[in-house]
Protein backbone atom coordinates (compact mmCIF):
# COMPACT_ATOMS: atom_id res chain seq x y z
CA ARG A 1 0.00 0.00 0.00
CA GLY A 2 2.83 2.41 0.64
CA LEU A 3 6.52 2.87 0.12
CA THR A 4 9.39 5.05 1.20
CA ALA A 5 13.15 4.79 0.83
CA HIS A 6 16.50 5.46 2.47
CA SER A 7 19.41 6.23 0.16
CA GLY A 8 22.33 4.84 2.17
CA SER A 9 25.86 6.01 1.40
CA GLN A 10 26.26 4.08 -1.88
CA PRO A 11 23.82 3.55 -4.77
CA ASN A 12 23.54 -0.18 -4.01
CA GLU A 13 22.66 0.57 -0.39
CA TYR A 14 19.22 1.93 -1.21
CA ARG A 15 16.63 0.31 1.00
CA TRP A 16 12.91 0.33 0.32
CA PHE A 17 10.23 0.13 2.99
CA VAL A 18 6.92 -1.23 1.73
CA THR A 19 3.64 -1.55 3.63
CA ARG A 20 0.90 -4.02 2.87
CA HIS A 21 -2.58 -4.83 4.08
CA SER A 22 -4.34 -8.07 3.30
CA ASP A 23 -7.67 -9.34 4.54
CA ARG A 24 -7.01 -12.73 2.99
CA ALA A 25 -6.38 -15.86 5.03
CA ASN A 26 -3.56 -16.80 2.67
CA VAL A 27 -0.65 -14.43 2.09
CA LEU A 28 2.12 -15.42 -0.33
CA GLY A 29 1.17 -19.06 0.05
CA VAL A 30 1.28 -19.05 3.85
CA SER A 31 -1.88 -19.53 5.90
CA VAL A 32 -2.04 -16.68 8.42
CA GLY A 33 -5.62 -17.06 9.59
CA SER A 34 -6.24 -13.35 10.05
CA ASP A 35 -5.78 -9.96 8.44
CA VAL A 36 -2.19 -8.88 7.84
CA ASP A 37 -0.70 -5.41 8.17
CA ARG A 38 3.03 -5.35 7.66
CA ILE A 39 5.97 -3.15 6.79
CA THR A 40 8.88 -4.82 5.03
CA LYS A 41 12.44 -3.66 4.38
CA VAL A 42 13.77 -4.80 0.99
CA ASP A 43 16.86 -4.26 -1.13
CA GLU A 44 17.30 -1.74 -3.94
CA HIS A 45 15.79 -4.12 -6.51
CA LEU A 46 12.73 -4.89 -4.35
CA THR A 47 13.54 -8.60 -4.55
CA HIS A 48 15.04 -9.59 -1.17
CA GLU A 49 13.33 -9.12 2.17
CA LEU A 50 15.75 -7.86 4.82
CA ASN A 51 13.42 -7.30 7.75
CA ARG A 52 9.73 -6.96 8.62
CA ASN A 53 7.38 -5.81 11.34
CA ASP A 54 3.84 -7.14 11.72
CA LEU A 55 2.03 -3.99 12.75
CA ARG A 56 -1.05 -5.73 14.15
CA LYS A 57 1.14 -7.49 16.69
CA SER A 58 3.53 -4.65 17.48
CA PHE A 59 1.09 -1.74 17.42
CA SER A 60 -2.41 -3.28 17.66
CA MET A 61 -3.52 -1.38 14.58
CA GLY A 62 -4.72 -2.25 11.11
CA GLN A 63 -5.30 -1.01 7.56
CA ALA A 64 -1.70 0.12 7.08
CA GLY A 65 -1.48 2.80 4.39
CA ASP A 66 1.22 4.90 2.79
CA CYS A 67 4.36 5.68 4.77
CA ASP A 68 7.21 8.17 4.91
CA LEU A 69 10.79 8.30 6.17
CA TRP A 70 12.13 11.45 7.78
CA GLY A 71 14.92 11.96 10.29
CA ASN A 72 15.72 8.22 10.26
CA ARG A 73 12.19 7.47 11.45
CA ILE A 74 9.48 5.75 9.46
CA TYR A 75 5.90 6.94 9.85
CA VAL A 76 3.11 4.57 8.79
CA ALA A 77 -0.49 5.77 8.49
CA CYS A 78 -2.96 3.28 9.98
CA GLN A 79 -6.72 3.66 9.56
CA HIS A 80 -7.86 1.47 12.46
CA PRO A 81 -7.72 3.40 14.69
CA ARG A 82 -6.54 6.85 13.57
CA LYS A 83 -2.89 6.29 14.48
CA VAL A 84 0.62 6.64 13.12
CA ALA A 85 3.09 3.81 13.74
CA ILE A 86 6.67 5.04 14.23
CA LEU A 87 9.65 2.75 13.63
CA ASN A 88 13.40 3.03 13.12
CA ARG A 89 15.14 1.93 9.91
CA ASN A 90 15.56 -1.59 11.29
CA LEU A 91 11.77 -1.67 11.71
CA ALA A 92 11.89 -1.75 15.49
CA LYS A 93 8.92 -0.09 17.19
CA LEU A 94 9.66 3.36 18.58
CA ASN A 95 6.25 4.80 19.32
CA GLU A 96 2.65 5.07 18.20
CA ALA A 97 0.78 8.34 18.01
CA VAL A 98 -2.91 9.17 17.95
CA LEU A 99 -3.70 12.33 16.01
CA ILE A 100 -5.47 14.74 18.32
CA ALA A 101 -7.75 17.76 18.04
CA ASN A 102 -6.69 21.37 17.91
CA ASP A 103 -6.77 23.69 20.92
CA ARG A 104 -10.53 24.18 20.42
CA GLY A 105 -11.23 20.45 20.53
CA GLN A 106 -11.92 20.20 16.79
CA PHE A 107 -10.55 17.52 14.47
CA PRO A 108 -11.21 17.39 10.71
CA LEU A 109 -10.83 13.68 9.95
CA SER A 110 -13.16 10.76 10.55
CA GLN A 111 -12.02 7.89 12.76
CA GLU A 112 -11.06 5.73 9.77
CA ALA A 113 -9.54 8.14 7.27
CA LEU A 114 -5.77 7.85 7.53
CA SER A 115 -4.68 6.36 4.20
CA TRP A 116 -1.37 8.24 4.02
CA CYS A 117 0.99 10.48 5.95
CA ALA A 118 4.09 12.44 4.96
CA VAL A 119 6.44 14.87 6.67
CA ASN A 120 7.06 18.21 4.96
CA PRO A 121 10.80 18.89 5.41
CA CYS A 122 10.15 22.65 5.27
CA ASP A 123 8.22 22.78 8.54
CA GLY A 124 8.72 19.32 10.08
CA MET A 125 4.98 18.72 10.33
CA LEU A 126 3.17 15.50 9.48
CA TYR A 127 0.44 15.86 6.85
CA THR A 128 -2.56 13.74 5.89
CA SER A 129 -6.06 14.13 4.45
CA ASP A 130 -9.42 12.49 4.00
CA VAL A 131 -9.77 9.86 1.25
CA ASP A 132 -12.64 11.38 -0.77
CA ASN A 133 -13.74 14.92 -1.59
CA VAL A 134 -10.29 16.14 -0.63
CA THR A 135 -9.93 19.91 -0.79
CA ARG A 136 -7.79 20.31 2.33
CA VAL A 137 -4.61 18.76 3.68
CA PHE A 138 -4.08 18.78 7.43
CA GLY A 139 -0.80 19.24 9.28
CA VAL A 140 -0.21 17.89 12.78
CA ASP A 141 2.58 19.17 15.00
CA MET A 142 4.64 16.21 16.17
CA LYS A 143 6.28 18.40 18.84
CA ARG A 144 2.85 19.11 20.34
CA GLY A 145 1.70 15.53 20.69
CA TYR A 146 0.53 15.15 17.07
CA ARG A 147 -2.00 17.95 17.44
CA TRP A 148 -3.81 19.30 14.37
CA THR A 149 -2.48 22.84 13.95
CA LYS A 150 -2.42 23.63 10.21
CA THR A 151 -4.71 23.38 7.19
CA ILE A 152 -3.72 23.85 3.53
CA THR A 153 -6.57 24.34 1.05
CA ILE A 154 -5.75 22.88 -2.37
CA ASP A 155 -7.38 24.46 -5.40
CA ARG A 156 -9.13 21.36 -6.75
CA LYS A 157 -11.12 18.45 -5.33
CA ILE A 158 -9.58 14.97 -5.43
CA ASN A 159 -11.19 11.61 -4.74
CA ARG A 160 -9.69 8.31 -3.56
CA VAL A 161 -6.45 9.77 -2.25
CA GLN A 162 -4.36 6.74 -1.26
CA GLY A 163 -0.83 8.11 -1.11
CA GLY A 164 1.06 11.30 -0.43
CA ALA A 165 4.62 12.59 -0.38
CA CYS A 166 6.49 15.87 0.15
CA THR A 167 9.66 16.95 -1.64
CA PRO A 168 12.61 18.80 -0.02
CA ASN A 169 11.20 22.15 -1.17
CA GLY A 170 7.73 21.37 0.09
CA LEU A 171 5.92 20.29 -3.07
CA LEU A 172 3.04 17.95 -2.28
CA ALA A 173 2.24 14.89 -4.40
CA LEU A 174 -1.12 13.14 -3.92
CA ALA A 175 -1.85 9.77 -5.54
CA SER A 176 -5.50 9.50 -6.61
CA ASP A 177 -7.30 6.33 -7.64
CA ASP A 178 -10.34 8.23 -8.91
CA ARG A 179 -12.24 5.86 -11.25
CA SER A 180 -13.72 8.57 -13.48
CA ASP A 181 -10.92 7.63 -15.93
CA PRO A 182 -10.70 3.81 -15.83
CA ALA A 183 -7.48 3.63 -17.83
CA PHE A 184 -5.42 6.01 -15.71
CA ALA A 185 -4.80 6.88 -12.11
CA HIS A 186 -3.20 10.25 -11.39
CA ILE A 187 -0.60 11.94 -9.22
CA HIS A 188 -1.51 15.57 -8.54
CA PHE A 189 1.20 18.05 -7.59
CA PHE A 190 0.61 21.10 -5.40
CA ASN A 191 2.59 23.84 -3.76
CA GLY A 192 2.71 22.49 -0.23
CA HIS A 193 2.62 25.99 1.24
CA SER A 194 -0.10 27.76 -0.75
CA GLY A 195 -2.04 24.73 -2.06
CA ALA A 196 -1.75 25.96 -5.66
CA HIS A 197 -2.14 23.20 -8.24
CA LEU A 198 1.00 22.73 -10.34
CA CYS A 199 0.55 19.75 -12.67
CA ASP A 200 -0.73 16.18 -13.01
CA LEU A 201 0.89 12.89 -13.97
CA GLU A 202 -1.07 10.06 -15.60
CA VAL A 203 -0.28 6.56 -14.35
CA ALA A 204 -1.52 3.79 -16.66
CA ARG A 205 -3.39 0.92 -15.03
CA ASN A 206 -2.98 -1.59 -17.86
CA TRP A 207 0.33 -3.10 -16.81
CA THR A 208 -0.75 -6.52 -18.12
CA ASN A 209 -3.59 -7.86 -20.23
CA THR A 210 -5.73 -8.38 -17.13
CA ILE A 211 -8.80 -6.40 -16.16
CA VAL A 212 -7.62 -2.91 -15.27
CA SER A 213 -10.61 -2.21 -13.01
CA HIS A 214 -8.92 -4.21 -10.26
CA GLN A 215 -5.68 -2.21 -10.45
CA GLU A 216 -5.24 0.62 -7.95
CA ILE A 217 -2.60 3.25 -7.35
CA LYS A 218 -1.51 3.26 -3.73
CA GLY A 219 1.62 4.87 -2.31
CA VAL A 220 3.83 7.56 -3.81
CA CYS A 221 7.39 8.37 -2.80
CA PHE A 222 9.92 11.06 -3.77
CA ALA A 223 13.41 9.51 -3.55
CA PRO A 224 15.93 11.00 -6.01
CA ASP A 225 18.86 9.26 -7.68
CA VAL A 226 17.56 5.70 -7.64
CA PHE A 227 19.27 4.23 -10.70
CA TYR A 228 17.40 1.81 -12.92
CA GLY A 229 19.28 2.52 -16.12
CA GLU A 230 18.40 6.19 -15.61
CA PRO A 231 18.26 8.21 -12.38
CA THR A 232 14.68 8.09 -11.13
CA ALA A 233 13.10 10.28 -8.47
CA LEU A 234 9.36 9.58 -8.21
CA HIS A 235 8.03 6.14 -7.36
CA THR A 236 4.52 4.70 -7.21
CA ILE A 237 2.83 1.40 -6.35
CA ILE A 238 0.09 -0.21 -8.43
CA THR A 239 -1.71 -3.23 -6.95
CA GLN A 240 -4.05 -5.77 -8.47
CA SER A 241 -6.54 -7.47 -6.17
CA ASN A 242 -8.46 -9.93 -8.36
CA VAL A 243 -5.81 -12.65 -8.19
CA SER A 244 -5.17 -15.39 -5.63
CA ASN A 245 -2.04 -13.65 -4.34
CA GLN A 246 -2.28 -9.89 -4.69
CA GLN A 247 0.25 -8.56 -7.16
CA ALA A 248 2.03 -5.23 -7.02
CA TRP A 249 4.23 -3.24 -9.35
CA VAL A 250 6.50 -0.31 -8.53
CA LYS A 251 6.93 2.26 -11.27
CA HIS A 252 9.92 4.59 -11.22
CA TRP A 253 9.78 7.99 -12.92
CA GLU A 254 12.71 10.01 -14.20
CA ILE A 255 12.60 13.76 -13.53
CA PRO A 256 15.07 15.98 -15.44
CA ALA A 257 17.82 17.35 -13.20
CA ASN A 258 16.85 21.00 -13.80
CA GLN A 259 13.29 20.22 -12.73
CA ARG A 260 14.31 18.05 -9.80
CA GLU A 261 16.33 20.93 -8.33
CA LYS A 262 13.11 22.95 -8.09
CA MET A 263 11.39 20.17 -6.15
């Protein structure tokens, strides 16, 4: 459902962190007997598992969503209940945080609406949003007990927001699985300070000859200089649910160096 990355000191030391949720009794051929919510650490080619943490056991939370890495900490959005799981880069549990109301006792999100979270490096705040009818993004102050303190109004409405990421200069990327266009999902880019819409990126669903209606865009991650023949910077997950073992693809996008510097 989500992904984030740590660059390491050498190109081959990139490590990916991928979250998954499954309500199937059979995961990757192993009978688990219950729902699974997990974050996994894998190598730069996304082929070898290096570590894992079963969030339902460690944090007593479910519906793991998109995640983010900032300050050597990994933040995982979890919808049941409205919590953020916090781990180190070895996937050891550090803390869990419940998002709380502002000073007036108001909170903008429903109890089960935490599909993504991302830290904006410009202000060090953790951001999230509703899933549907999204016109606002909400910032919580981690230094004040994860209290809602900031709201950014974006200048268009987005549905089925399932992933989010912030760039070093504070641009905000939101992954939308809106089904109004069955062939494409979209990543929408905004100024993370003003909420101004900047551009959109189409993400094709038809990775294979299977039915595209079961393919969803999930997490989005900004991690520059990941080399797959070319230096890539933007990364997305597409999942397909109408198969016995859910399949997922990660797509890596190249961004020209002169554009990446602005991000």
